[in-house]
Amino acid sequence: MLNNIGLPGLLLIAVVVLVLFGRGKISGLMGEVGKGITAFKKGVDDSTKELDEADVAVKDVTPEEEKDKA
């Protein structure tokens, strides 16, 4: 259904969105999206650092029956 939009269709959609919402609202929305993406990346980096710094031993929780089969 949406496979055949093409460049003219995308341009038409962009013009309609621009007319409906105006340049100010669209730029404000894009700014908020950028802040959200930045906050998400920062959160992922922070959690990765916490996991790397944590000294947690990995415990094998495989049931005994499956250990015997292997």
Protein backbone atom coordinates (compact mmCIF):
# COMPACT_ATOMS: atom_id res chain seq x y z
CA MET A 1 0.00 0.00 0.00
CA LEU A 2 2.69 2.52 0.99
CA ASN A 3 5.36 0.99 -1.25
CA ASN A 4 4.61 3.26 -4.22
CA ILE A 5 4.60 6.71 -2.58
CA GLY A 6 7.74 7.96 -4.30
CA LEU A 7 9.36 11.37 -4.16
CA PRO A 8 6.37 13.41 -5.43
CA GLY A 9 4.12 11.85 -2.80
CA LEU A 10 6.58 12.57 -0.01
CA LEU A 11 6.93 16.18 -1.15
CA LEU A 12 3.15 16.57 -1.21
CA ILE A 13 2.88 15.16 2.32
CA ALA A 14 5.64 17.52 3.53
CA VAL A 15 3.90 20.55 2.01
CA VAL A 16 0.55 19.59 3.56
CA VAL A 17 2.14 19.11 7.00
CA LEU A 18 3.94 22.45 6.68
CA VAL A 19 0.70 24.24 5.74
CA LEU A 20 -1.32 22.61 8.51
CA PHE A 21 1.12 23.05 11.39
CA GLY A 22 3.36 25.93 10.37
CA ARG A 23 7.10 26.25 10.51
CA GLY A 24 7.25 27.22 14.18
CA LYS A 25 5.43 24.19 15.51
CA ILE A 26 7.35 21.78 13.29
CA SER A 27 10.75 23.17 14.31
CA GLY A 28 9.72 23.06 17.98
CA LEU A 29 8.59 19.47 17.60
CA MET A 30 11.83 18.46 15.90
CA GLY A 31 13.78 20.13 18.72
CA GLU A 32 11.89 18.06 21.27
CA VAL A 33 12.49 14.88 19.27
CA GLY A 34 16.22 15.68 19.19
CA LYS A 35 16.29 16.23 22.96
CA GLY A 36 14.50 12.93 23.47
CA ILE A 37 16.95 11.03 21.29
CA THR A 38 19.88 12.64 23.11
CA ALA A 39 18.42 11.73 26.52
CA PHE A 40 17.82 8.14 25.36
CA LYS A 41 21.42 7.76 24.14
CA LYS A 42 22.74 9.23 27.40
CA GLY A 43 20.63 6.78 29.40
CA VAL A 44 21.86 3.82 27.37
CA ASP A 45 25.48 4.93 27.80
CA ASP A 46 25.04 5.44 31.55
CA SER A 47 23.46 2.02 32.03
CA THR A 48 26.20 0.39 29.96
CA LYS A 49 28.83 2.05 32.14
CA GLU A 50 27.05 0.88 35.29
CA LEU A 51 26.93 -2.70 34.01
CA ASP A 52 30.61 -2.59 33.08
CA GLU A 53 31.57 -1.22 36.49
CA ALA A 54 29.41 -3.67 38.45
CA ASP A 55 31.21 -6.63 39.96
CA VAL A 56 28.45 -9.19 39.64
CA ALA A 57 29.17 -12.89 39.42
CA VAL A 58 27.12 -14.77 36.84
CA LYS A 59 25.17 -17.63 38.37
CA ASP A 60 24.26 -20.72 36.34
CA VAL A 61 20.53 -21.26 36.72
CA THR A 62 20.20 -24.20 34.32
CA PRO A 63 18.06 -27.01 35.81
CA GLU A 64 19.97 -30.12 36.88
CA GLU A 65 18.16 -32.32 34.33
CA GLU A 66 19.42 -30.21 31.44
CA LYS A 67 22.97 -30.13 32.86
CA ASP A 68 23.02 -33.94 32.91
CA LYS A 69 21.88 -34.13 29.26
CA ALA A 70 24.64 -31.84 28.04
